[in-house]
Protein backbone atom coordinates (compact mmCIF):
# COMPACT_ATOMS: atom_id res chain seq x y z
CA UNK A 1 -54.29 -84.98 3.03
CA UNK A 2 -57.68 -86.47 3.86
CA UNK A 3 -56.24 -87.86 7.07
CA UNK A 4 -55.01 -84.38 7.94
CA UNK A 5 -58.50 -83.01 7.38
CA UNK A 6 -59.92 -85.74 9.60
CA UNK A 7 -57.56 -84.79 12.41
CA UNK A 8 -58.58 -81.14 12.05
CA UNK A 9 -62.22 -82.17 12.29
CA UNK A 10 -61.66 -84.14 15.45
CA UNK A 11 -59.78 -81.23 17.04
CA UNK A 12 -62.64 -78.87 16.30
CA UNK A 13 -65.27 -81.31 17.51
CA UNK A 14 -63.40 -81.84 20.75
CA UNK A 15 -63.82 -78.12 21.46
CA UNK A 16 -67.59 -78.40 21.06
CA UNK A 17 -67.99 -79.90 24.52
CA UNK A 18 -66.58 -76.77 26.16
CA UNK A 19 -67.87 -74.17 23.71
CA UNK A 20 -71.51 -74.81 23.03
CA UNK A 21 -72.83 -71.27 22.78
CA UNK A 22 -75.79 -70.43 20.55
CA UNK A 23 -78.23 -67.80 19.43
CA UNK A 24 -80.01 -65.47 21.82
CA UNK A 25 -83.30 -66.26 20.07
CA UNK A 26 -86.30 -68.23 21.35
CA UNK A 27 -85.43 -71.32 23.32
CA UNK A 28 -86.89 -74.67 22.30
CA UNK A 29 -88.96 -76.87 24.62
CA UNK A 30 -86.82 -78.84 27.02
CA UNK A 31 -86.87 -82.58 26.47
CA UNK A 32 -87.72 -85.00 29.25
CA UNK A 33 -85.72 -87.98 27.94
CA UNK A 34 -82.57 -89.37 29.47
CA UNK A 35 -80.46 -87.37 27.00
CA UNK A 36 -81.51 -84.05 28.48
CA UNK A 37 -81.61 -82.62 24.95
CA UNK A 38 -84.42 -80.37 23.70
CA UNK A 39 -87.44 -82.13 22.18
CA UNK A 40 -88.63 -80.45 18.97
CA UNK A 41 -91.84 -82.45 18.91
CA UNK A 42 -91.39 -84.00 15.50
CA UNK A 43 -91.02 -80.61 13.79
CA UNK A 44 -90.16 -80.62 10.08
CA UNK A 45 -87.03 -78.59 9.34
CA UNK A 46 -86.27 -77.44 5.80
CA UNK A 47 -82.56 -77.73 5.05
CA UNK A 48 -81.06 -76.05 1.97
CA UNK A 49 -78.25 -78.00 0.29
CA UNK A 50 -76.54 -77.53 -3.06
CA UNK A 51 -76.10 -81.25 -3.79
CA UNK A 52 -72.86 -80.42 -5.60
CA UNK A 53 -70.21 -80.29 -2.88
CA UNK A 54 -68.40 -83.55 -2.12
CA UNK A 55 -68.26 -85.03 0.43
CA UNK A 56 -70.84 -82.84 2.16
CA UNK A 57 -73.80 -83.28 -0.20
CA UNK A 58 -74.46 -84.86 -3.58
CA UNK A 59 -76.87 -86.94 -5.66
CA UNK A 60 -75.52 -90.19 -7.06
CA UNK A 61 -75.86 -90.40 -10.84
CA UNK A 62 -76.39 -94.17 -10.82
CA UNK A 63 -79.18 -94.31 -8.23
CA UNK A 64 -80.51 -90.75 -7.93
CA UNK A 65 -80.03 -91.01 -4.17
CA UNK A 66 -78.92 -87.99 -2.18
CA UNK A 67 -76.22 -88.36 0.44
CA UNK A 68 -73.15 -86.91 2.09
CA UNK A 69 -71.84 -85.72 5.44
CA UNK A 70 -74.57 -83.07 5.73
CA UNK A 71 -77.34 -85.62 5.24
CA UNK A 72 -75.95 -88.10 7.76
CA UNK A 73 -75.06 -85.48 10.37
CA UNK A 74 -78.42 -83.68 10.24
CA UNK A 75 -80.38 -86.93 10.34
CA UNK A 76 -78.37 -87.97 13.40
CA UNK A 77 -79.08 -84.59 14.99
CA UNK A 78 -82.80 -84.91 14.31
CA UNK A 79 -82.84 -88.38 15.85
CA UNK A 80 -81.61 -86.79 19.06
CA UNK A 81 -83.91 -83.75 18.89
CA UNK A 82 -87.07 -85.46 17.59
CA UNK A 83 -87.28 -83.51 14.33
CA UNK A 84 -87.67 -84.41 10.66
CA UNK A 85 -85.23 -82.92 8.13
CA UNK A 86 -86.64 -81.98 4.72
CA UNK A 87 -83.68 -81.44 2.37
CA UNK A 88 -84.29 -78.91 -0.41
CA UNK A 89 -81.85 -78.44 -3.29
CA UNK A 90 -80.87 -74.80 -3.70
CA UNK A 91 -78.24 -72.95 -5.69
CA UNK A 92 -75.31 -71.64 -3.68
CA UNK A 93 -75.84 -68.15 -5.07
CA UNK A 94 -78.49 -66.60 -2.89
CA UNK A 95 -78.60 -69.47 -0.37
CA UNK A 96 -77.42 -67.43 2.61
CA UNK A 97 -79.83 -64.59 1.83
CA UNK A 98 -82.68 -67.08 1.38
CA UNK A 99 -82.03 -68.47 4.86
CA UNK A 100 -81.80 -64.94 6.24
CA UNK A 101 -85.21 -64.23 4.68
CA UNK A 102 -86.70 -67.33 6.31
CA UNK A 103 -87.19 -69.25 3.07
CA UNK A 104 -85.48 -72.23 4.72
CA UNK A 105 -85.10 -73.15 8.39
CA UNK A 106 -81.39 -73.69 7.87
CA UNK A 107 -78.70 -74.50 5.31
CA UNK A 108 -75.91 -77.07 5.32
CA UNK A 109 -73.47 -76.61 2.48
CA UNK A 110 -69.95 -76.32 3.85
CA UNK A 111 -70.55 -72.70 4.84
CA UNK A 112 -67.57 -70.83 6.25
CA UNK A 113 -68.21 -68.84 9.42
CA UNK A 114 -67.37 -65.18 8.78
CA UNK A 115 -68.15 -61.94 10.57
CA UNK A 116 -69.90 -60.52 7.49
CA UNK A 117 -72.22 -63.53 7.24
CA UNK A 118 -72.98 -63.29 10.95
CA UNK A 119 -74.66 -59.99 10.16
CA UNK A 120 -77.21 -61.86 8.04
CA UNK A 121 -77.63 -65.26 9.75
CA UNK A 122 -76.93 -67.12 12.95
CA UNK A 123 -74.32 -69.89 12.85
CA UNK A 124 -74.09 -73.09 14.78
CA UNK A 125 -70.84 -73.78 16.56
CA UNK A 126 -68.10 -74.73 14.11
CA UNK A 127 -67.94 -78.42 13.35
CA UNK A 128 -65.12 -78.72 10.78
CA UNK A 129 -61.95 -76.86 9.88
CA UNK A 130 -60.84 -76.90 6.25
CA UNK A 131 -57.96 -75.49 4.24
CA UNK A 132 -58.16 -73.41 1.05
CA UNK A 133 -55.78 -74.66 -1.64
CA UNK A 134 -54.90 -74.22 -5.31
CA UNK A 135 -56.04 -76.94 -7.72
CA UNK A 136 -53.98 -77.06 -10.93
CA UNK A 137 -53.39 -79.34 -13.90
CA UNK A 138 -51.20 -82.34 -13.12
CA UNK A 139 -48.48 -81.19 -15.52
CA UNK A 140 -48.30 -77.67 -14.06
CA UNK A 141 -44.64 -76.67 -13.65
CA UNK A 142 -44.72 -72.88 -14.02
CA UNK A 143 -45.54 -72.27 -10.36
CA UNK A 144 -45.55 -74.36 -7.19
CA UNK A 145 -47.82 -72.32 -4.96
CA UNK A 146 -49.81 -69.13 -4.39
CA UNK A 147 -46.85 -66.73 -4.23
CA UNK A 148 -45.41 -67.79 -7.59
CA UNK A 149 -48.84 -67.68 -9.22
CA UNK A 150 -49.52 -64.20 -7.84
CA UNK A 151 -46.14 -62.93 -9.05
CA UNK A 152 -47.01 -63.44 -12.72
CA UNK A 153 -49.81 -61.09 -13.85
CA UNK A 154 -50.71 -63.36 -16.77
CA UNK A 155 -51.93 -66.20 -14.54
CA UNK A 156 -55.64 -66.39 -13.76
CA UNK A 157 -57.72 -68.12 -11.09
CA UNK A 158 -61.16 -69.68 -11.47
CA UNK A 159 -63.50 -69.88 -8.49
CA UNK A 160 -67.14 -69.57 -7.43
CA UNK A 161 -68.56 -66.13 -6.58
CA UNK A 162 -70.10 -65.56 -3.17
CA UNK A 163 -67.63 -67.91 -1.49
CA UNK A 164 -64.74 -67.26 0.87
CA UNK A 165 -62.61 -68.90 -1.84
CA UNK A 166 -63.48 -65.97 -4.11
CA UNK A 167 -62.57 -63.48 -1.39
CA UNK A 168 -59.24 -65.24 -0.84
CA UNK A 169 -58.54 -65.20 -4.58
CA UNK A 170 -59.21 -61.44 -4.72
CA UNK A 171 -56.80 -60.89 -1.86
CA UNK A 172 -54.17 -62.96 -3.66
CA UNK A 173 -54.32 -61.61 -7.23
CA UNK A 174 -57.04 -58.92 -7.44
CA UNK A 175 -60.38 -58.90 -9.26
CA UNK A 176 -58.95 -58.57 -12.77
CA UNK A 177 -57.27 -61.98 -12.67
CA UNK A 178 -60.28 -63.95 -11.47
CA UNK A 179 -62.81 -65.76 -13.63
CA UNK A 180 -66.07 -66.49 -11.83
CA UNK A 181 -68.08 -69.66 -12.47
CA UNK A 182 -71.57 -70.48 -11.22
CA UNK A 183 -70.39 -73.78 -9.72
CA UNK A 184 -67.00 -75.30 -9.02
CA UNK A 185 -67.45 -78.11 -11.59
CA UNK A 186 -67.50 -75.43 -14.31
CA UNK A 187 -64.33 -73.85 -12.92
CA UNK A 188 -62.59 -77.23 -12.92
CA UNK A 189 -63.69 -77.86 -16.52
CA UNK A 190 -62.22 -74.48 -17.44
CA UNK A 191 -58.98 -75.46 -15.70
CA UNK A 192 -58.75 -78.72 -17.64
CA UNK A 193 -59.48 -76.83 -20.87
CA UNK A 194 -56.68 -74.35 -20.14
CA UNK A 195 -59.00 -71.35 -19.73
CA UNK A 196 -57.64 -70.65 -16.23
CA UNK A 197 -54.33 -71.51 -14.60
CA UNK A 198 -55.67 -72.62 -11.21
CA UNK A 199 -58.86 -73.02 -9.22
CA UNK A 200 -58.99 -71.88 -5.62
CA UNK A 201 -61.24 -74.10 -3.51
CA UNK A 202 -61.54 -75.97 -0.23
CA UNK A 203 -59.09 -78.84 0.07
CA UNK A 204 -61.87 -81.37 0.73
CA UNK A 205 -63.60 -80.40 -2.51
CA UNK A 206 -60.30 -80.44 -4.38
CA UNK A 207 -59.63 -84.00 -3.27
CA UNK A 208 -63.03 -84.96 -4.65
CA UNK A 209 -62.25 -83.46 -8.04
CA UNK A 210 -58.90 -85.23 -8.19
CA UNK A 211 -60.53 -88.62 -7.51
CA UNK A 212 -60.20 -90.66 -10.69
CA UNK A 213 -58.59 -87.63 -12.39
CA UNK A 214 -55.29 -87.99 -10.52
CA UNK A 215 -53.51 -88.00 -13.87
CA UNK A 216 -55.05 -84.61 -14.73
CA UNK A 217 -55.24 -82.62 -11.49
CA UNK A 218 -53.27 -81.95 -8.33
CA UNK A 219 -53.23 -79.60 -5.32
CA UNK A 220 -50.18 -77.38 -4.93
CA UNK A 221 -48.70 -75.03 -2.36
CA UNK A 222 -49.53 -74.19 1.20
CA UNK A 223 -52.96 -73.46 2.62
CA UNK A 224 -54.18 -69.94 1.93
CA UNK A 225 -56.69 -69.97 4.76
CA UNK A 226 -57.93 -72.28 7.51
CA UNK A 227 -61.68 -71.87 7.84
CA UNK A 228 -64.31 -73.19 10.21
CA UNK A 229 -67.66 -74.39 8.86
CA UNK A 230 -71.08 -74.22 10.48
CA UNK A 231 -74.79 -74.61 9.79
CA UNK A 232 -76.72 -71.37 9.23
CA UNK A 233 -80.15 -70.30 10.50
CA UNK A 234 -82.32 -67.16 10.26
CA UNK A 235 -81.45 -64.54 12.87
CA UNK A 236 -82.94 -65.40 16.24
CA UNK A 237 -83.80 -68.97 15.24
CA UNK A 238 -84.83 -71.23 18.10
CA UNK A 239 -82.97 -74.08 16.40
CA UNK A 240 -79.44 -72.83 17.06
CA UNK A 241 -79.13 -73.90 20.69
CA UNK A 242 -80.72 -77.35 20.19
CA UNK A 243 -78.45 -78.03 17.20
CA UNK A 244 -75.40 -76.95 19.17
CA UNK A 245 -76.37 -79.27 22.01
CA UNK A 246 -76.94 -82.14 19.57
CA UNK A 247 -73.58 -81.56 17.87
CA UNK A 248 -71.92 -81.78 21.28
CA UNK A 249 -73.79 -85.00 22.04
CA UNK A 250 -72.77 -86.55 18.71
CA UNK A 251 -69.15 -85.70 19.41
CA UNK A 252 -69.40 -87.23 22.86
CA UNK A 253 -71.00 -90.48 21.70
CA UNK A 254 -68.52 -90.99 18.85
CA UNK A 255 -70.88 -90.35 15.94
CA UNK A 256 -68.85 -87.40 14.65
CA UNK A 257 -65.69 -89.50 14.61
CA UNK A 258 -67.55 -92.21 12.69
CA UNK A 259 -68.76 -89.68 10.11
CA UNK A 260 -65.26 -88.26 9.79
CA UNK A 261 -63.92 -91.74 9.16
CA UNK A 262 -66.63 -92.39 6.56
CA UNK A 263 -66.33 -89.14 4.61
CA UNK A 264 -62.87 -87.68 5.23
CA UNK A 265 -60.59 -90.64 4.75
CA UNK A 266 -59.74 -92.89 1.82
CA UNK A 267 -62.88 -94.89 2.62
CA UNK A 268 -64.87 -92.26 0.73
CA UNK A 269 -64.34 -93.06 -2.95
CA UNK A 270 -67.16 -91.15 -4.66
CA UNK A 271 -65.92 -88.57 -7.20
CA UNK A 272 -67.53 -85.79 -9.20
CA UNK A 273 -67.78 -88.20 -12.11
CA UNK A 274 -70.20 -90.24 -9.99
CA UNK A 275 -72.72 -87.52 -9.14
CA UNK A 276 -75.35 -85.61 -11.07
């Protein structure tokens, strides 16, 4: 499954070279280096991250070090644009509104691009496509996918409010059969305890939860939605176009493929048991 995600990522990134549109806001200064990329003059950029979404962002429990795809990708972008990322931990709830209000320069937290969110913030070009799947207990035999779960009114779904996963769950079974949890780790704990029958989440996150818990958890059924992720910025931000250009450059020079290989294949072994 991780290899499938990697292939999806590479397909999306390939499109970046021919679809590098951005915000209509202020344009950044044009760089004079050989890259032809904008030069942000060493500007510090505050980046909101949840630090609870493998493999995109996390803090290792053993070392206290932060890491993940978001960290590596944004640092690589800032190397090209001459900027300094300042990562700030922020709760998912309220993150998009906080960026819209200008509390942060941007956010990187596996944020799905939607038309509703575009009313509040500007998105970068999409850099990853992911699938929404059902995570269930390993011994689950009552249903094999979304349709069978939806058909029985006694089955409930756990998920995180304010996410597209929550919206997909509502569309599948209605509000009354959903239990909302502040973070996905709490929803997964509820699943293991038998308080819900499934958790609806992104496939990449689901793989992280399975990790060393392969004897307790599994993903079932077809994808409920294929979503594209992007970075978010306040409306009219001058950072959108430079970040889009840098994403295209990283795809062209092979960095994005390297990050995909590092974080979206079996080479990535960190699990939710390993992070704070």
